[in-house]
């Protein structure tokens, strides 16, 4: 009877024991899974995203005033715009004269699509990867190189010969020549419009500004004639106006890009032109603020910037003294800062000099070839231009 009772006891309790065992096992497993998930969430790094903070930098190519190394040496100097334009790094570049001495930098442009910056010197064109700061290629061109401009999609470049009679249309990825465009005599400055439809070509032996069709890569129009040979110029965002400096004029002229006619002749008041150390003309440098409310003009002899209203009759607003002769003017993308080639950083709104660019050795830096580049992680998200082009479309 005891054995049977024991047997019956065992038989009777076994199902209950199995249920308890199963419940305990499920509780332990659930607890383990929850705990593991919690620990995993706490310990594993977050999944990488593409939302890296965007940093704004000023890239300054040197020697950017002739081949003078005293204004910053050789390479690309990078400055942190949002940290009082403090020096960040120097990127090594090529671009040498045949004797091995660094050559004059003639232009600087950026391809956002190719994540690359391009430096032209008298003899060659360099492509540098902005993720690695390494040279991708360097190519020499028959007739040399001058101040180029790049298409909005970052694929095509109009590269002038070095004051020869033609422009090369260049593939930005490879450096291969797509087409050659003959103009007149001395190819020099170039603006590829933000619309991507036209390219504006400045031959400094001509009083005309030439216009090329960016799809056909051929000349389709010209604007002028202006009072003398065309020097640095800029355009508004809608491509209805061009503002040009010309030889012998302390001031600027205005042209209609639709009709091809000259509209206005504006002279600086209160200051006399005089001899300049470089470029030969009094006002070598002009820029529109991105909001297109003001025109900033260089005065080489008096070492000043003159500020004008950008609406007719182009009223002269003020004048600002600089530490050296300005030969170019660049704007930040947002229009907050003005960068004359003499090395100062000016706040546009207050007209005040807020700092002076200095390299890693605390030497003053000056260059006519600089551009803002906005970077997130190691990718370019936006790039400015070297010409002070208007920003209203």
Protein backbone atom coordinates (compact mmCIF):
# COMPACT_ATOMS: atom_id res chain seq x y z
CA UNK A 1 0.00 0.00 0.00
CA UNK A 2 2.85 2.43 0.80
CA UNK A 3 4.53 1.64 -2.47
CA UNK A 4 1.26 2.15 -4.26
CA UNK A 5 0.63 5.29 -2.33
CA UNK A 6 4.08 6.48 -3.15
CA UNK A 7 3.50 5.55 -6.73
CA UNK A 8 0.17 7.32 -6.74
CA UNK A 9 1.78 10.35 -5.06
CA UNK A 10 4.45 10.51 -7.70
CA UNK A 11 2.01 10.07 -10.51
CA UNK A 12 -0.31 12.66 -9.03
CA UNK A 13 2.39 15.35 -8.47
CA UNK A 14 4.47 14.93 -11.65
CA UNK A 15 2.21 17.11 -13.87
CA UNK A 16 2.22 19.90 -11.27
CA UNK A 17 5.98 19.71 -10.97
CA UNK A 18 6.34 19.88 -14.75
CA UNK A 19 4.19 23.00 -14.89
CA UNK A 20 6.23 24.66 -12.16
CA UNK A 21 9.44 23.75 -13.93
CA UNK A 22 8.19 25.16 -17.23
CA UNK A 23 7.03 28.40 -15.58
CA UNK A 24 10.32 28.85 -13.78
CA UNK A 25 12.23 28.16 -16.99
CA UNK A 26 10.15 30.70 -18.95
CA UNK A 27 10.66 33.30 -16.22
CA UNK A 28 14.43 32.77 -16.25
CA UNK A 29 14.59 32.94 -20.04
CA UNK A 30 12.44 36.08 -20.18
CA UNK A 31 14.54 37.71 -17.49
CA UNK A 32 17.74 36.83 -19.40
CA UNK A 33 16.41 38.22 -22.66
CA UNK A 34 15.23 41.47 -21.06
CA UNK A 35 18.46 41.90 -19.13
CA UNK A 36 20.59 41.17 -22.21
CA UNK A 37 18.63 43.64 -24.27
CA UNK A 38 19.01 46.30 -21.58
CA UNK A 39 22.74 45.70 -21.23
CA UNK A 40 23.15 45.65 -25.01
CA UNK A 41 21.35 48.95 -25.32
CA UNK A 42 23.43 50.48 -22.55
CA UNK A 43 26.81 49.20 -23.69
CA UNK A 44 26.74 49.22 -27.50
CA UNK A 45 27.66 52.49 -29.26
CA UNK A 46 24.84 54.17 -31.17
CA UNK A 47 24.48 53.37 -34.83
CA UNK A 48 26.50 55.77 -36.95
CA UNK A 49 24.46 58.43 -38.73
CA UNK A 50 25.18 60.99 -41.42
CA UNK A 51 24.19 63.88 -39.16
CA UNK A 52 27.72 65.03 -38.33
CA UNK A 53 27.92 68.68 -37.35
CA UNK A 54 28.77 71.00 -40.22
CA UNK A 55 31.93 73.04 -39.76
CA UNK A 56 32.77 76.14 -41.78
CA UNK A 57 36.32 76.65 -42.95
CA UNK A 58 38.18 79.22 -45.03
CA UNK A 59 40.65 77.56 -47.40
CA UNK A 60 43.45 79.93 -48.42
CA UNK A 61 45.83 78.91 -51.23
CA UNK A 62 49.37 80.32 -51.09
CA UNK A 63 51.48 81.79 -52.55
CA UNK A 64 48.39 83.69 -53.59
CA UNK A 65 50.05 87.03 -54.28
CA UNK A 66 52.38 86.40 -57.19
CA UNK A 67 54.89 83.81 -55.97
CA UNK A 68 55.75 85.72 -52.78
CA UNK A 69 56.23 83.19 -49.98
CA UNK A 70 56.29 85.85 -47.25
CA UNK A 71 52.47 85.98 -47.18
CA UNK A 72 51.93 82.46 -45.83
CA UNK A 73 54.42 80.16 -47.52
CA UNK A 74 53.28 77.29 -49.75
CA UNK A 75 50.17 75.10 -49.55
CA UNK A 76 46.55 75.49 -48.48
CA UNK A 77 46.00 77.11 -45.09
CA UNK A 78 42.72 76.21 -43.37
CA UNK A 79 40.99 78.53 -40.89
CA UNK A 80 38.01 77.83 -38.61
CA UNK A 81 35.42 80.48 -39.48
CA UNK A 82 33.32 79.85 -36.35
CA UNK A 83 36.34 79.99 -34.02
CA UNK A 84 37.49 83.52 -34.81
CA UNK A 85 39.18 82.28 -37.99
CA UNK A 86 41.86 80.43 -36.05
CA UNK A 87 44.47 78.45 -37.97
CA UNK A 88 43.59 74.74 -38.23
CA UNK A 89 46.11 73.09 -40.55
CA UNK A 90 48.31 73.38 -43.61
CA UNK A 91 47.71 71.07 -46.57
CA UNK A 92 50.76 70.29 -48.69
CA UNK A 93 50.41 71.07 -52.39
CA UNK A 94 52.42 70.78 -55.57
CA UNK A 95 52.47 73.48 -58.24
CA UNK A 96 56.09 74.38 -58.79
CA UNK A 97 58.06 76.42 -61.28
CA UNK A 98 60.52 74.38 -63.37
CA UNK A 99 63.28 75.39 -60.92
CA UNK A 100 61.35 73.81 -58.02
CA UNK A 101 60.21 77.08 -56.43
CA UNK A 102 56.46 77.28 -55.60
CA UNK A 103 54.55 78.84 -58.47
CA UNK A 104 51.95 81.63 -58.38
CA UNK A 105 48.54 80.29 -57.37
CA UNK A 106 46.06 81.66 -59.92
CA UNK A 107 42.71 80.27 -58.77
CA UNK A 108 40.87 78.01 -56.31
CA UNK A 109 37.54 76.19 -56.81
CA UNK A 110 35.65 73.32 -55.18
CA UNK A 111 33.63 70.39 -56.51
CA UNK A 112 31.10 69.34 -53.88
CA UNK A 113 30.19 66.26 -55.92
CA UNK A 114 33.82 65.09 -56.15
CA UNK A 115 34.74 66.23 -52.62
CA UNK A 116 37.75 67.97 -54.11
CA UNK A 117 39.48 71.34 -54.16
CA UNK A 118 41.35 72.50 -57.26
CA UNK A 119 44.35 74.81 -57.31
CA UNK A 120 45.62 76.36 -60.53
CA UNK A 121 49.13 77.74 -60.86
CA UNK A 122 50.79 79.33 -63.86
CA UNK A 123 51.92 75.91 -65.09
CA UNK A 124 49.46 73.33 -63.75
CA UNK A 125 46.13 72.31 -62.23
CA UNK A 126 45.92 70.18 -59.07
CA UNK A 127 43.00 68.17 -57.70
CA UNK A 128 43.17 67.48 -53.95
CA UNK A 129 40.78 65.14 -52.10
CA UNK A 130 39.20 66.95 -49.15
CA UNK A 131 38.61 63.79 -47.12
CA UNK A 132 42.30 62.82 -47.10
CA UNK A 133 44.03 66.13 -48.04
CA UNK A 134 45.98 64.08 -50.60
CA UNK A 135 46.81 65.01 -54.18
CA UNK A 136 44.63 63.07 -56.65
CA UNK A 137 46.43 64.37 -59.74
CA UNK A 138 48.36 67.29 -61.14
CA UNK A 139 48.27 68.13 -64.83
CA UNK A 140 50.10 70.70 -66.92
CA UNK A 141 48.34 72.49 -69.76
CA UNK A 142 49.64 73.99 -72.96
CA UNK A 143 49.56 77.76 -72.52
CA UNK A 144 49.40 77.46 -68.72
CA UNK A 145 46.52 78.13 -66.32
CA UNK A 146 44.74 81.12 -64.80
CA UNK A 147 41.67 81.80 -62.61
CA UNK A 148 39.12 79.12 -63.39
CA UNK A 149 35.50 78.44 -62.43
CA UNK A 150 33.49 75.26 -61.98
CA UNK A 151 29.95 74.19 -62.92
CA UNK A 152 27.26 73.95 -60.20
CA UNK A 153 27.22 70.15 -60.52
CA UNK A 154 30.98 70.05 -59.93
CA UNK A 155 31.75 68.13 -63.12
CA UNK A 156 33.03 70.73 -65.58
CA UNK A 157 35.64 73.47 -65.32
CA UNK A 158 36.38 76.43 -67.55
CA UNK A 159 40.14 76.85 -67.23
CA UNK A 160 41.70 79.90 -68.91
CA UNK A 161 45.17 79.64 -70.33
CA UNK A 162 47.71 81.91 -68.65
CA UNK A 163 46.91 85.15 -70.49
CA UNK A 164 46.86 83.33 -73.81
CA UNK A 165 44.02 83.47 -76.32
CA UNK A 166 41.88 80.50 -75.21
CA UNK A 167 39.99 78.68 -72.45
CA UNK A 168 40.11 74.92 -71.93
CA UNK A 169 36.89 73.16 -70.92
CA UNK A 170 38.08 70.46 -68.51
CA UNK A 171 36.59 67.29 -67.00
CA UNK A 172 36.86 67.79 -63.22
CA UNK A 173 37.19 64.07 -62.48
CA UNK A 174 40.08 63.34 -64.81
CA UNK A 175 41.54 66.68 -65.89
CA UNK A 176 40.97 65.75 -69.52
CA UNK A 177 40.30 68.56 -71.99
CA UNK A 178 36.75 68.46 -73.38
CA UNK A 179 37.00 71.45 -75.71
CA UNK A 180 39.05 74.55 -76.44
CA UNK A 181 37.39 77.98 -76.79
CA UNK A 182 39.26 80.78 -78.54
CA UNK A 183 38.44 84.30 -77.40
CA UNK A 184 40.75 87.19 -78.17
CA UNK A 185 44.19 87.64 -76.69
CA UNK A 186 44.65 87.37 -72.89
CA UNK A 187 42.34 84.90 -71.09
CA UNK A 188 42.13 85.63 -67.39
CA UNK A 189 39.12 85.54 -64.99
CA UNK A 190 36.12 83.20 -65.27
CA UNK A 191 32.68 82.95 -63.66
CA UNK A 192 30.51 79.86 -64.19
CA UNK A 193 26.97 81.07 -63.41
CA UNK A 194 25.00 79.33 -60.69
CA UNK A 195 22.27 78.52 -63.20
CA UNK A 196 24.79 76.37 -65.03
CA UNK A 197 23.69 77.86 -68.36
CA UNK A 198 26.41 80.40 -69.10
CA UNK A 199 30.06 81.08 -68.37
CA UNK A 200 31.44 84.62 -68.32
CA UNK A 201 34.95 85.08 -69.70
CA UNK A 202 37.24 88.03 -69.00
CA UNK A 203 39.92 88.68 -71.63
CA UNK A 204 42.06 91.43 -70.10
CA UNK A 205 43.12 92.73 -73.52
CA UNK A 206 39.52 93.49 -74.46
CA UNK A 207 36.86 96.02 -73.35
CA UNK A 208 34.24 93.29 -73.82
CA UNK A 209 33.08 90.59 -71.40
CA UNK A 210 32.48 87.38 -73.35
CA UNK A 211 29.64 84.92 -72.71
CA UNK A 212 29.81 81.18 -73.47
CA UNK A 213 26.96 78.69 -73.68
CA UNK A 214 27.79 76.07 -71.01
CA UNK A 215 26.05 73.26 -72.89
CA UNK A 216 27.56 73.87 -76.34
CA UNK A 217 30.86 75.26 -74.99
CA UNK A 218 30.93 78.07 -77.51
CA UNK A 219 30.69 81.87 -77.45
CA UNK A 220 27.16 83.23 -77.82
CA UNK A 221 27.32 86.86 -76.67
CA UNK A 222 29.43 89.69 -75.31
CA UNK A 223 28.75 92.66 -73.02
CA UNK A 224 30.13 96.17 -73.42
CA UNK A 225 32.19 97.79 -74.63
CA UNK A 226 33.39 99.09 -71.29
CA UNK A 227 35.62 102.13 -70.80
CA UNK A 228 38.82 100.07 -70.86
CA UNK A 229 40.06 96.49 -70.67
CA UNK A 230 37.96 94.36 -68.30
CA UNK A 231 39.61 93.25 -65.07
CA UNK A 232 37.98 91.53 -62.02
CA UNK A 233 34.19 91.39 -62.22
CA UNK A 234 31.20 89.81 -60.54
CA UNK A 235 27.55 89.11 -61.43
CA UNK A 236 24.23 89.03 -59.60
CA UNK A 237 22.43 85.77 -58.92
CA UNK A 238 19.77 86.20 -61.59
CA UNK A 239 22.40 86.96 -64.26
CA UNK A 240 20.91 90.28 -65.23
CA UNK A 241 23.81 92.53 -64.14
CA UNK A 242 27.59 92.44 -64.29
CA UNK A 243 29.83 94.73 -62.24
CA UNK A 244 33.26 95.16 -63.78
CA UNK A 245 36.48 96.89 -62.90
CA UNK A 246 38.51 98.21 -65.82
CA UNK A 247 42.01 99.50 -66.37
CA UNK A 248 42.70 103.09 -65.23
CA UNK A 249 39.42 103.43 -63.29
CA UNK A 250 39.16 103.87 -59.53
CA UNK A 251 35.59 102.69 -59.53
CA UNK A 252 33.48 100.23 -61.52
CA UNK A 253 31.05 99.95 -64.41
CA UNK A 254 27.76 98.10 -64.75
CA UNK A 255 26.56 96.03 -67.71
CA UNK A 256 23.23 94.48 -68.68
CA UNK A 257 23.73 90.75 -69.28
CA UNK A 258 20.46 90.46 -71.20
CA UNK A 259 20.99 93.27 -73.71
CA UNK A 260 24.79 93.34 -73.69
CA UNK A 261 24.81 97.12 -73.05
CA UNK A 262 26.82 99.14 -70.56
CA UNK A 263 24.51 100.85 -68.07
CA UNK A 264 26.61 102.88 -65.65
CA UNK A 265 30.03 104.33 -64.90
CA UNK A 266 30.82 104.87 -61.19
CA UNK A 267 33.91 106.62 -59.80
CA UNK A 268 35.16 106.64 -56.22
CA UNK A 269 34.69 110.06 -54.66
CA UNK A 270 37.16 111.68 -52.27
CA UNK A 271 40.14 109.53 -53.20
CA UNK A 272 42.57 109.93 -56.09
CA UNK A 273 43.99 107.03 -58.09
CA UNK A 274 47.73 106.54 -58.07
CA UNK A 275 50.45 103.97 -58.70
CA UNK A 276 49.85 100.42 -57.44
CA UNK A 277 52.36 97.70 -56.65
CA UNK A 278 50.52 94.95 -58.52
CA UNK A 279 48.00 94.41 -61.32
CA UNK A 280 48.39 97.86 -62.87
CA UNK A 281 44.81 99.06 -62.37
CA UNK A 282 43.43 101.05 -59.39
CA UNK A 283 40.48 98.79 -58.50
CA UNK A 284 41.62 95.19 -58.86
CA UNK A 285 38.89 93.50 -56.83
CA UNK A 286 35.10 93.74 -56.57
CA UNK A 287 32.39 91.71 -54.82
CA UNK A 288 28.65 91.73 -54.23
CA UNK A 289 27.32 90.88 -50.79
CA UNK A 290 25.22 87.68 -51.07
CA UNK A 291 22.05 89.69 -50.36
CA UNK A 292 23.06 91.96 -53.28
CA UNK A 293 22.59 95.14 -51.27
CA UNK A 294 26.20 96.31 -51.40
CA UNK A 295 29.22 96.38 -53.69
CA UNK A 296 32.67 96.23 -52.09
CA UNK A 297 35.51 97.64 -54.20
CA UNK A 298 39.31 97.48 -53.88
CA UNK A 299 41.52 100.57 -53.96
CA UNK A 300 45.14 99.49 -54.43
CA UNK A 301 46.84 102.87 -54.26
CA UNK A 302 45.08 104.11 -51.12
CA UNK A 303 45.02 100.61 -49.53
CA UNK A 304 41.29 100.76 -48.84
CA UNK A 305 37.95 99.15 -49.47
CA UNK A 306 35.11 101.37 -50.71
CA UNK A 307 31.52 100.28 -50.08
CA UNK A 308 28.65 101.23 -52.41
CA UNK A 309 24.94 100.62 -52.59
CA UNK A 310 24.27 97.97 -55.22
CA UNK A 311 21.22 99.82 -56.56
CA UNK A 312 21.43 102.73 -58.99
CA UNK A 313 22.70 105.41 -58.61
CA UNK A 314 25.26 103.31 -56.65
CA UNK A 315 25.72 105.65 -53.72
CA UNK A 316 29.12 105.56 -52.02
CA UNK A 317 28.58 104.52 -48.39
CA UNK A 318 31.94 104.39 -46.64
CA UNK A 319 35.63 103.61 -46.94
CA UNK A 320 37.76 101.24 -44.84
CA UNK A 321 41.58 101.36 -44.42
CA UNK A 322 43.58 98.13 -44.73
CA UNK A 323 47.07 97.03 -43.72
CA UNK A 324 48.22 96.35 -47.29
CA UNK A 325 47.17 96.74 -50.90
CA UNK A 326 43.96 94.80 -51.68
CA UNK A 327 44.02 92.92 -54.98
CA UNK A 328 40.90 90.77 -54.51
CA UNK A 329 37.75 90.51 -52.37
CA UNK A 330 35.94 87.32 -51.30
CA UNK A 331 32.76 86.91 -49.23
CA UNK A 332 31.64 84.23 -46.77
CA UNK A 333 28.66 82.19 -47.94
CA UNK A 334 26.30 83.84 -45.45
CA UNK A 335 27.67 87.30 -46.21
CA UNK A 336 28.69 87.92 -42.62
CA UNK A 337 32.38 88.29 -43.42
CA UNK A 338 34.46 90.04 -46.06
CA UNK A 339 37.94 88.76 -46.94
CA UNK A 340 40.21 91.23 -48.75
CA UNK A 341 43.42 89.70 -50.08
CA UNK A 342 45.41 91.82 -47.61
CA UNK A 343 44.56 89.31 -44.86
CA UNK A 344 42.03 91.08 -42.65
CA UNK A 345 38.64 89.60 -41.75
CA UNK A 346 35.89 92.23 -41.71
CA UNK A 347 32.38 91.97 -40.33
CA UNK A 348 30.11 93.12 -43.14
CA UNK A 349 27.43 94.69 -40.95
CA UNK A 350 29.69 96.77 -38.70
CA UNK A 351 32.52 97.33 -41.26
CA UNK A 352 34.94 96.43 -38.45
CA UNK A 353 38.14 94.41 -38.79
CA UNK A 354 37.64 91.57 -36.30
CA UNK A 355 40.88 89.65 -36.84
CA UNK A 356 43.80 89.08 -39.19
CA UNK A 357 44.62 85.70 -40.72
CA UNK A 358 47.78 84.16 -39.26
CA UNK A 359 49.52 80.87 -39.99
CA UNK A 360 50.90 78.30 -37.55
CA UNK A 361 53.99 80.47 -37.05
CA UNK A 362 51.89 83.57 -36.20
CA UNK A 363 52.86 85.22 -39.48
CA UNK A 364 50.25 87.31 -41.29
CA UNK A 365 48.65 85.53 -44.25
CA UNK A 366 47.54 87.27 -47.44
CA UNK A 367 46.17 85.75 -50.63
CA UNK A 368 43.92 86.58 -53.58
CA UNK A 369 42.81 82.94 -53.78
CA UNK A 370 40.52 81.77 -50.98
CA UNK A 371 37.13 80.08 -50.65
CA UNK A 372 34.76 78.96 -47.89
CA UNK A 373 34.12 75.22 -47.61
CA UNK A 374 31.49 73.76 -45.25
CA UNK A 375 32.27 70.18 -44.18
CA UNK A 376 30.30 67.52 -42.25
CA UNK A 377 32.51 64.64 -41.18
CA UNK A 378 34.87 64.38 -44.12
CA UNK A 379 32.40 65.39 -46.83
CA UNK A 380 31.86 68.81 -48.37
CA UNK A 381 28.25 69.92 -48.03
CA UNK A 382 28.59 73.44 -49.43
CA UNK A 383 31.23 75.62 -51.04
CA UNK A 384 31.48 79.34 -51.67
CA UNK A 385 33.10 81.06 -54.60
CA UNK A 386 36.13 83.27 -55.05
CA UNK A 387 34.29 86.06 -56.92
CA UNK A 388 31.69 87.52 -54.56
CA UNK A 389 28.77 86.47 -56.76
CA UNK A 390 25.30 87.66 -55.73
CA UNK A 391 23.09 85.12 -53.98
CA UNK A 392 19.56 86.09 -55.01
CA UNK A 393 18.03 83.76 -57.60
